[in-house]
Amino acid sequence: MATAIETARQQAAQLWDVPLADVLATDLSADFFWADEHTIVHVARFDDSGRHDLVIAITKDGDSLIFGDPDDLSMINRFFDRENIALPEGLPVHRFATAIRSFLAGPRGLVGSTTFFDGMAIPRIERWLEAPGDEDLFRRHCRDPLLEVRPDHWQLEFFFFTEHGGIELWRVTGRPDSIGDATVSDAVPAGTFRFPWVD
């Protein structure tokens, strides 16, 4: 039986109609250690138009869920159902936000949080800043994800620092045990900050 990495690469190559050798894959199990029923794999390829990313969740029996269309929430809902995770409070809010962004738009970046900001020593934060006055803007977006839960619906709002030096604002809503809508907008334009880990 093929490994999860091999399965994900084969599926991505078929979906993108490219040779298998053109598809790179990374096992994200360490980031999604809480996922008991799936191995989470990030696949990527490069061409003249840039980088293309997908996240694929592979079950132990080789079944897979392919994420990547932010308008199709059926796969992400199926994933949480298979993992037996009650939404929205079945995961700590930061992990929930990370999963949503990773599955719908790729994992390259970081969810803003006070812990993220507090972990930055002065020399490390300067790696992110394009201009000295940007620290206040950076700090304002290191807000913890906000989850508001009512009996019949919930809303999650969080900032995401992208690999392109911008910040996205995500708003996700749903009813108990399902995600109904996920929207993303630019809170801060790309190029405002540097992303220290761009390869």
Foldseek 3Di string as FASTA:
>chain_A
DDDPQVLVLVVVCVVVVHDSVQKDKDFPCVLVVLQPFWTKMKIWGADPVGIDIWIKTAGPVGDIQTAAAQVDFPSVLVSCVVSVQKPPPSDPLLSSVQVSCCRHPRNAWHWAAVVVVVPADVVRVVQWAPDPVCPVVVNVQSHDWDWDDDQFKIKIWTWIQHQQSWIKIWIWMDGISGTDHIDIDTPGDGPRTHDNPDD
